[in-house]
Every structure is written in structure tokens, then in C-alpha cells.
């Protein structure tokens, strides 16, 4: 069987990231091999549960595991304290114990929400990430970041809680709606820009926004995941190197929040943020215009727009950036590209330059 494997090793925990087709079929034995013996609490959304939830639940039960499924509404609105409270009620009313495990079956929203609940219920239970879309497979399911949103910004309430296993079954990519599939490419492009020029060039050779067939699919995902794994192994708590993974996210999160959670998919907002932040790097003189143009062209080839949504005000976006988690001593720490495959953190970007780029993009 095709299977790619990487290893995350951090002070918060060590675990495998498995990538390949039909891995969900092996879930019961993979959990047993990692000593996860308690009851299993599966969290998903209606769309993913309809496609895969019943099958996963039945397979676990056939293997003799006690497992239950809870569905939360689809979309970013589920990363909310009220939804988290509903999950706590389900778990605590059901008698969850510390030896049990929460399984997050879905995209980034499910992984962040279920991960946050796993980090906090009973002061922490085991978490298994079962990502079903590109964005989650290459980014959000790996590294232990969990969280919910606040009206003032995205992911402002959360915890670091490393999973015990990340299992990316590439079969699930075949059922993604085109918009969700395209949005996932943003994080893959980001990994190429910040650390892997070869990955970026590979993406440029793809046939439009299509996910390649096996075994190229798993190999491509492994290369993208390797960037995240390498960075997390160096910097678990985002004190240095890991901040590079925020490329496109400072303005992307502001755009996503300002649009209203759910109006834009996370990857769509990140693509716009990458385009704006690349322009900031170009104006600073640290990134060539040709590299900014390559990124712009690739994002469009992969079905991602780079323009700020109509009606969005520059002042509102700039205000939101100042509430970002990456602000330190009142200054934003920007992850900015120097070239395709290379990036660095900058805390000295003039506010006037950022304002000029954002104002030009918003037309106001």
C-alpha cells in the first residue's frame, strides 16, 4: 500500500503523520499500535460525516472499539465558544475519561475546534487528527495549534495540544467540492514560497487546480507536509522559525474576519493575504517583482483570487491586524518572502508602507 510517513518530535509530544489512500480503513489497528485503548469520541460535520463518518464509526465498532459520533454545523461559525460548550456537554454527559481519545474527522474547522476541546476537557485527553481536505492535511492538523474564534479575531482563544497521530487519507480529496479543493492549495503554495522552491516549481507544473493521481498525490502532499513538520520540530511554540508559517495570515485573517466568518474560506483569505504581503516585501526591496508575479500567477492557476473583496475598508483591515496574535510590543511581526523558497520575519515594517499597500488594494 502507498504510504508516506513523517515524524513530529516536540517537547509537547512525538507522533507520526501518515499520508496515503485508504488509511481510514486501518484506523483501528493504527490507534491500537499507539496505545490508544479508551473510548473514542468522533467529531465531524454533516458533510464529512455523511461521506465518511458512518464508515469510520462502523469500522471502529467492528474492531471492538467503543465509539460515538457528534456532528457540529459546517463552517467557520462552529469555531465558537457556544459550540465548544455543546461538545463539552456531550463528552461529560457521556462519561469521557482521561484515557479516551477525541478524533477530529474533517477540515481545519473541525481540527481546531475538536483539538481545543481535547486540550481542555478533563485538562487534556488524547487527540487524533483525521484531516479530509488539503488545507488541514498539509497545515492545520499538524503542529498542535488548536483554537476557537472571538469576535475580535480568528483563533484568539486556544491552546497548543499535540495529537497522538495525524492520518491523512488521500481518498477523501476526491470528494472535495472544487471551491474547497482550490482553497487548500493556498497553504501548499505558502510552504513552497517560504521554504521549498522545488515544491513551488512542482505546483507550477500541475494541470490547473487538479490534485494529481496516486502515487504522485501522496508524494506531493508529503513534500508539502515536510515543510510544516520540519518547522514544528524546530519551533513548537512559535517563538521563532514557526512564525514563517504565518505568511499570508496576518492580512488574511483580517480579511477573513472583516468579511464575516464563512463568507470566505480560510485558504481564499490566505491567498489574498499572501498577495498583499508579497507586495509589502517588494516595496521593502527584499523580494523581486518577478517572484511576486510568479506567486500571483500560480495562485490564479490554482483557482484562487488575489483581490480584496469589494467594499472592504483599508482602515478596518489595518485595525484588525493590530489585534493579531503575532503583535509584540505593539508591532506586527511579518513573515515576508525574500525569494521563492526563502522567507524571514520582519518586525520593522513601516506602518505607512503597509497602509499604502492595503489602501491601494481596497481602493480606499
Protein backbone atom coordinates (compact mmCIF):
# COMPACT_ATOMS: atom_id res chain seq x y z
CA UNK A 1 0.00 0.00 0.00
CA UNK A 2 1.15 3.53 -0.78
CA UNK A 3 2.02 5.30 2.44
CA UNK A 4 4.15 8.33 3.16
CA UNK A 5 5.26 8.86 6.75
CA UNK A 6 6.87 11.72 8.63
CA UNK A 7 7.65 12.13 12.32
CA UNK A 8 6.94 15.15 14.50
CA UNK A 9 9.14 15.32 17.59
CA UNK A 10 8.49 18.18 20.02
CA UNK A 11 8.61 18.70 23.78
CA UNK A 12 4.80 18.51 23.72
CA UNK A 13 4.76 15.07 22.11
CA UNK A 14 6.07 12.90 19.29
CA UNK A 15 3.79 11.37 16.66
CA UNK A 16 3.55 10.11 13.11
CA UNK A 17 1.96 11.85 10.16
CA UNK A 18 0.71 9.21 7.71
CA UNK A 19 -0.32 10.12 4.15
CA UNK A 20 -1.86 7.79 1.59
CA UNK A 21 -5.04 6.23 0.20
CA UNK A 22 -7.47 4.13 2.26
CA UNK A 23 -5.70 4.81 5.56
CA UNK A 24 -9.03 5.29 7.34
CA UNK A 25 -9.60 1.58 6.76
CA UNK A 26 -6.62 0.90 9.06
CA UNK A 27 -7.62 3.34 11.78
CA UNK A 28 -8.47 0.80 14.47
CA UNK A 29 -5.15 -1.01 14.23
CA UNK A 30 -3.18 2.24 13.97
CA UNK A 31 -4.80 3.50 17.18
CA UNK A 32 -4.12 0.22 18.98
CA UNK A 33 -0.48 0.32 17.87
CA UNK A 34 -0.14 3.69 19.59
CA UNK A 35 -1.68 2.53 22.85
CA UNK A 36 -4.97 4.41 22.45
CA UNK A 37 -7.26 1.95 24.23
CA UNK A 38 -10.09 4.02 25.74
CA UNK A 39 -13.38 5.09 24.24
CA UNK A 40 -13.29 7.08 21.01
CA UNK A 41 -15.24 10.32 20.55
CA UNK A 42 -15.52 11.20 16.86
CA UNK A 43 -16.24 14.84 15.94
CA UNK A 44 -17.20 15.82 12.39
CA UNK A 45 -19.61 17.96 10.37
CA UNK A 46 -22.68 16.78 8.41
CA UNK A 47 -20.98 16.78 5.00
CA UNK A 48 -17.91 14.79 6.06
CA UNK A 49 -19.96 12.58 8.39
CA UNK A 50 -22.27 11.65 5.51
CA UNK A 51 -19.32 10.64 3.34
CA UNK A 52 -17.01 9.01 5.88
CA UNK A 53 -18.33 9.26 9.44
CA UNK A 54 -20.64 6.26 9.40
CA UNK A 55 -17.97 4.09 7.77
CA UNK A 56 -15.30 5.09 10.27
CA UNK A 57 -17.68 4.57 13.19
CA UNK A 58 -18.78 1.15 11.93
CA UNK A 59 -15.20 0.02 11.31
CA UNK A 60 -14.14 1.04 14.81
CA UNK A 61 -17.10 -0.75 16.34
CA UNK A 62 -16.41 -3.89 14.28
CA UNK A 63 -12.91 -3.84 15.74
CA UNK A 64 -14.44 -3.92 19.21
CA UNK A 65 -13.92 -0.23 19.99
CA UNK A 66 -16.49 1.85 21.84
CA UNK A 67 -17.03 4.86 19.57
CA UNK A 68 -19.60 7.64 19.22
CA UNK A 69 -20.09 10.43 16.68
CA UNK A 70 -21.04 14.08 17.23
CA UNK A 71 -21.72 16.47 14.37
CA UNK A 72 -21.26 20.24 14.55
CA UNK A 73 -22.53 22.66 11.90
CA UNK A 74 -20.33 23.17 8.87
CA UNK A 75 -18.18 26.26 8.54
CA UNK A 76 -16.09 28.72 10.50
CA UNK A 77 -19.05 29.70 12.71
CA UNK A 78 -18.57 26.39 14.56
CA UNK A 79 -15.27 27.64 15.99
CA UNK A 80 -17.27 29.38 18.68
CA UNK A 81 -17.43 29.14 22.49
CA UNK A 82 -21.09 28.10 22.31
CA UNK A 83 -20.33 25.15 20.02
CA UNK A 84 -17.36 24.18 22.18
CA UNK A 85 -19.72 24.20 25.19
CA UNK A 86 -22.06 21.80 23.37
CA UNK A 87 -19.15 19.45 22.77
CA UNK A 88 -18.16 19.60 26.45
CA UNK A 89 -21.75 18.70 27.38
CA UNK A 90 -21.74 15.71 25.02
CA UNK A 91 -18.42 14.44 26.32
CA UNK A 92 -19.03 15.00 30.01
CA UNK A 93 -22.62 13.72 29.93
CA UNK A 94 -21.29 10.64 28.12
CA UNK A 95 -18.70 9.99 30.82
CA UNK A 96 -15.44 10.78 28.99
CA UNK A 97 -12.32 9.66 30.85
CA UNK A 98 -8.70 10.76 30.56
CA UNK A 99 -7.68 7.54 28.82
CA UNK A 100 -10.16 8.22 25.99
CA UNK A 101 -9.40 9.97 22.71
CA UNK A 102 -11.13 12.59 20.61
CA UNK A 103 -10.93 12.02 16.85
CA UNK A 104 -11.26 15.08 14.58
CA UNK A 105 -12.65 13.97 11.21
CA UNK A 106 -12.86 16.89 8.79
CA UNK A 107 -11.13 20.08 7.72
CA UNK A 108 -9.41 22.82 9.63
CA UNK A 109 -12.51 23.97 11.49
CA UNK A 110 -13.14 20.51 12.93
CA UNK A 111 -9.47 20.00 13.76
CA UNK A 112 -9.17 23.36 15.54
CA UNK A 113 -12.43 23.01 17.46
CA UNK A 114 -12.09 19.34 18.45
CA UNK A 115 -8.43 19.91 19.25
CA UNK A 116 -9.23 22.80 21.58
CA UNK A 117 -11.87 20.73 23.36
CA UNK A 118 -9.42 17.81 23.64
CA UNK A 119 -6.81 20.15 25.12
CA UNK A 120 -9.16 21.45 27.79
CA UNK A 121 -11.72 18.79 28.75
CA UNK A 122 -10.52 16.99 31.91
CA UNK A 123 -7.37 19.14 31.49
CA UNK A 124 -6.48 17.24 28.34
CA UNK A 125 -7.24 13.96 26.58
CA UNK A 126 -5.63 12.31 23.56
CA UNK A 127 -6.32 13.83 20.15
CA UNK A 128 -6.17 12.13 16.75
CA UNK A 129 -6.36 14.30 13.65
CA UNK A 130 -8.12 12.78 10.60
CA UNK A 131 -7.94 15.64 8.06
CA UNK A 132 -10.13 15.36 4.97
CA UNK A 133 -9.10 18.40 2.92
CA UNK A 134 -5.86 19.84 1.56
CA UNK A 135 -5.58 22.74 3.99
CA UNK A 136 -5.89 20.51 7.02
CA UNK A 137 -3.65 17.75 5.64
CA UNK A 138 -0.68 20.00 4.91
CA UNK A 139 -1.09 22.56 7.66
CA UNK A 140 -3.70 22.85 10.40
CA UNK A 141 -3.83 19.19 11.51
CA UNK A 142 -0.08 19.22 12.22
CA UNK A 143 1.74 21.05 14.97
CA UNK A 144 -0.69 21.13 17.88
CA UNK A 145 -2.31 24.53 17.35
CA UNK A 146 -5.94 24.39 18.41
CA UNK A 147 -8.45 27.15 18.93
CA UNK A 148 -11.74 28.93 18.52
CA UNK A 149 -12.56 32.40 17.29
CA UNK A 150 -13.53 35.57 19.11
CA UNK A 151 -15.48 38.47 17.68
CA UNK A 152 -12.24 40.47 17.70
CA UNK A 153 -10.32 37.98 15.60
CA UNK A 154 -9.58 34.47 14.42
CA UNK A 155 -8.06 31.84 16.74
CA UNK A 156 -7.62 34.27 19.62
CA UNK A 157 -8.68 31.61 22.16
CA UNK A 158 -6.74 28.36 22.00
CA UNK A 159 -4.04 26.04 23.26
CA UNK A 160 -1.10 24.02 21.99
CA UNK A 161 -2.07 20.35 22.18
CA UNK A 162 -0.12 17.90 20.05
CA UNK A 163 -2.09 14.99 18.55
CA UNK A 164 -1.11 11.37 19.05
CA UNK A 165 -1.48 10.66 15.33
CA UNK A 166 -2.26 12.52 12.11
CA UNK A 167 -3.77 10.31 9.42
CA UNK A 168 -4.34 11.93 6.02
CA UNK A 169 -6.38 9.58 3.82
CA UNK A 170 -5.93 10.98 0.31
CA UNK A 171 -9.09 9.23 -0.93
CA UNK A 172 -11.08 11.95 0.82
CA UNK A 173 -9.66 14.59 -1.54
CA UNK A 174 -11.68 13.11 -4.41
CA UNK A 175 -14.96 14.19 -2.84
CA UNK A 176 -13.99 17.80 -2.09
CA UNK A 177 -16.09 20.50 -3.75
CA UNK A 178 -13.98 22.44 -6.27
CA UNK A 179 -14.02 25.63 -4.20
CA UNK A 180 -12.80 23.87 -1.05
CA UNK A 181 -10.13 21.97 -3.01
CA UNK A 182 -8.84 25.16 -4.58
CA UNK A 183 -8.76 26.95 -1.22
CA UNK A 184 -6.50 24.22 0.12
CA UNK A 185 -3.82 24.99 -2.43
CA UNK A 186 -3.07 28.29 -0.66
CA UNK A 187 -1.26 26.56 2.20
CA UNK A 188 0.66 24.34 -0.21
CA UNK A 189 1.80 27.39 -2.17
CA UNK A 190 2.73 29.09 1.10
CA UNK A 191 5.04 26.21 2.03
CA UNK A 192 6.74 26.46 -1.33
CA UNK A 193 7.25 30.22 -1.02
CA UNK A 194 8.68 30.20 2.48
CA UNK A 195 10.96 27.13 2.35
CA UNK A 196 10.81 24.91 -0.74
CA UNK A 197 11.40 26.34 -4.20
CA UNK A 198 11.24 22.83 -5.67
CA UNK A 199 7.74 22.34 -4.28
CA UNK A 200 6.70 25.66 -5.79
CA UNK A 201 8.07 24.62 -9.19
CA UNK A 202 6.23 21.29 -8.91
CA UNK A 203 2.98 23.18 -8.35
CA UNK A 204 3.68 25.31 -11.41
CA UNK A 205 3.82 22.11 -13.47
CA UNK A 206 0.42 20.83 -12.28
CA UNK A 207 -2.52 20.68 -14.67
CA UNK A 208 -4.52 23.59 -13.36
CA UNK A 209 -6.11 23.05 -9.95
CA UNK A 210 -6.37 19.27 -10.26
CA UNK A 211 -4.99 17.09 -7.49
CA UNK A 212 -2.70 14.52 -9.18
CA UNK A 213 -3.44 10.81 -9.05
CA UNK A 214 -1.60 8.37 -6.81
CA UNK A 215 1.27 7.92 -6.16
CA UNK A 216 2.13 11.49 -7.20
CA UNK A 217 -0.65 12.82 -4.95
CA UNK A 218 0.81 11.34 -1.78
CA UNK A 219 4.34 12.32 -2.80
CA UNK A 220 3.29 15.93 -3.41
CA UNK A 221 1.45 16.11 -0.11
CA UNK A 222 4.40 14.57 1.72
CA UNK A 223 6.68 17.28 0.35
CA UNK A 224 4.27 20.00 1.45
CA UNK A 225 3.76 18.40 4.87
CA UNK A 226 7.53 18.05 5.31
CA UNK A 227 7.85 21.84 5.41
CA UNK A 228 5.37 22.06 8.30
CA UNK A 229 6.92 19.12 10.13
CA UNK A 230 10.45 20.50 9.84
CA UNK A 231 9.38 23.90 11.14
CA UNK A 232 7.36 22.49 14.05
CA UNK A 233 10.26 20.23 15.05
CA UNK A 234 12.46 23.31 15.29
CA UNK A 235 9.95 25.61 16.99
CA UNK A 236 6.88 24.05 18.62
CA UNK A 237 5.58 27.17 20.37
CA UNK A 238 6.00 29.74 17.59
CA UNK A 239 8.80 31.73 19.15
CA UNK A 240 10.96 31.92 16.02
CA UNK A 241 11.05 29.75 12.91
CA UNK A 242 7.40 28.71 13.13
CA UNK A 243 6.29 32.31 12.64
CA UNK A 244 7.23 31.87 8.97
CA UNK A 245 4.12 29.71 8.61
CA UNK A 246 2.08 32.86 9.23
CA UNK A 247 2.96 34.17 5.78
CA UNK A 248 -0.27 35.47 4.25
CA UNK A 249 -2.14 35.03 7.51
CA UNK A 250 -1.75 38.45 9.15
CA UNK A 251 -3.74 40.22 6.46
CA UNK A 252 -5.53 37.00 5.51
CA UNK A 253 -7.03 36.61 8.98
CA UNK A 254 -8.03 40.29 8.97
CA UNK A 255 -9.77 39.88 5.61
CA UNK A 256 -11.48 36.67 6.72
CA UNK A 257 -12.81 38.28 9.90
CA UNK A 258 -13.84 41.51 8.22
CA UNK A 259 -15.76 39.61 5.53
CA UNK A 260 -17.64 37.75 8.26
CA UNK A 261 -16.70 34.19 9.15
CA UNK A 262 -17.93 31.86 6.45
CA UNK A 263 -18.03 34.40 3.62
CA UNK A 264 -14.52 33.42 2.57
CA UNK A 265 -12.86 30.06 3.04
CA UNK A 266 -9.65 30.23 5.05
CA UNK A 267 -7.45 29.43 2.05
CA UNK A 268 -9.18 32.07 -0.06
CA UNK A 269 -8.39 34.72 2.54
CA UNK A 270 -4.80 33.47 2.91
CA UNK A 271 -4.25 33.69 -0.86
CA UNK A 272 -5.28 37.36 -0.80
CA UNK A 273 -3.08 37.90 2.25
CA UNK A 274 -0.09 36.30 0.51
CA UNK A 275 -0.53 38.56 -2.50
CA UNK A 276 -0.66 41.69 -0.33
CA UNK A 277 2.21 40.63 1.90
CA UNK A 278 4.35 39.80 -1.14
CA UNK A 279 3.72 43.34 -2.34
CA UNK A 280 4.87 44.63 1.04
CA UNK A 281 8.08 42.63 0.61
CA UNK A 282 8.54 44.00 -2.91
CA UNK A 283 8.11 47.60 -1.72
CA UNK A 284 10.64 46.96 1.02
CA UNK A 285 13.10 45.89 -1.66
CA UNK A 286 13.58 42.41 -0.20
CA UNK A 287 11.66 40.43 -2.85
CA UNK A 288 11.94 40.69 -6.63
CA UNK A 289 8.91 41.73 -8.63
CA UNK A 290 9.36 38.61 -10.77
CA UNK A 291 8.85 36.37 -7.72
CA UNK A 292 5.74 38.30 -6.70
CA UNK A 293 4.45 37.81 -10.24
CA UNK A 294 5.20 34.06 -10.14
CA UNK A 295 3.25 33.68 -6.92
CA UNK A 296 0.34 35.70 -8.33
CA UNK A 297 0.24 33.60 -11.49
CA UNK A 298 0.37 30.30 -9.58
CA UNK A 299 -2.43 31.27 -7.20
CA UNK A 300 -4.63 32.15 -10.15
CA UNK A 301 -3.77 28.90 -11.95
CA UNK A 302 -4.88 27.03 -8.86
CA UNK A 303 -8.24 28.80 -8.85
CA UNK A 304 -7.53 31.38 -6.15
CA UNK A 305 -8.40 35.08 -6.43
CA UNK A 306 -5.99 37.66 -5.02
CA UNK A 307 -8.14 40.79 -4.94
CA UNK A 308 -9.59 42.23 -1.74
CA UNK A 309 -13.40 41.76 -1.71
CA UNK A 310 -15.33 44.81 -2.86
CA UNK A 311 -16.46 47.20 -0.17
CA UNK A 312 -13.76 46.27 2.34
CA UNK A 313 -12.17 49.31 4.00
CA UNK A 314 -8.43 49.58 4.48
CA UNK A 315 -8.81 51.18 7.91
CA UNK A 316 -10.85 48.24 9.18
CA UNK A 317 -8.29 45.71 7.94
CA UNK A 318 -5.38 47.61 9.42
CA UNK A 319 -7.18 47.87 12.76
CA UNK A 320 -7.71 44.10 12.82
CA UNK A 321 -4.02 43.42 12.16
CA UNK A 322 -3.15 45.19 15.40
CA UNK A 323 -5.23 42.62 17.34
CA UNK A 324 -3.39 39.71 15.75
CA UNK A 325 -1.66 37.12 17.94
CA UNK A 326 1.64 37.97 16.25
CA UNK A 327 1.71 41.54 17.58
CA UNK A 328 4.52 42.07 20.09
CA UNK A 329 5.07 45.33 21.95
CA UNK A 330 2.60 46.97 19.62
CA UNK A 331 4.48 45.94 16.47
CA UNK A 332 3.41 43.36 13.91
CA UNK A 333 5.93 40.62 13.14
CA UNK A 334 5.55 40.00 9.42
CA UNK A 335 6.58 36.76 7.70
CA UNK A 336 7.76 38.05 4.32
CA UNK A 337 9.28 36.33 1.29
CA UNK A 338 12.78 37.19 0.09
CA UNK A 339 12.58 34.83 -2.89
CA UNK A 340 10.65 31.74 -3.88
CA UNK A 341 11.77 29.22 -1.25
CA UNK A 342 13.07 31.75 1.28
CA UNK A 343 11.40 33.99 3.86
CA UNK A 344 12.17 35.79 7.11
CA UNK A 345 10.45 37.55 10.00
CA UNK A 346 10.43 41.36 9.98
CA UNK A 347 9.31 43.48 12.93
CA UNK A 348 10.40 46.79 11.42
CA UNK A 349 7.99 47.18 8.51
CA UNK A 350 6.83 50.84 8.36
CA UNK A 351 3.13 51.19 9.07
CA UNK A 352 2.90 53.74 6.27
CA UNK A 353 4.10 51.16 3.74
CA UNK A 354 1.56 48.58 4.89
CA UNK A 355 -1.15 51.21 4.79
CA UNK A 356 -0.20 52.18 1.25
CA UNK A 357 -0.38 48.57 0.02
CA UNK A 358 -3.69 47.83 1.75
CA UNK A 359 -5.24 51.14 0.70
CA UNK A 360 -4.29 50.56 -2.92
CA UNK A 361 -5.78 47.05 -2.77
CA UNK A 362 -9.02 48.29 -1.21
CA UNK A 363 -9.28 51.39 -3.37
CA UNK A 364 -9.86 53.48 -0.25
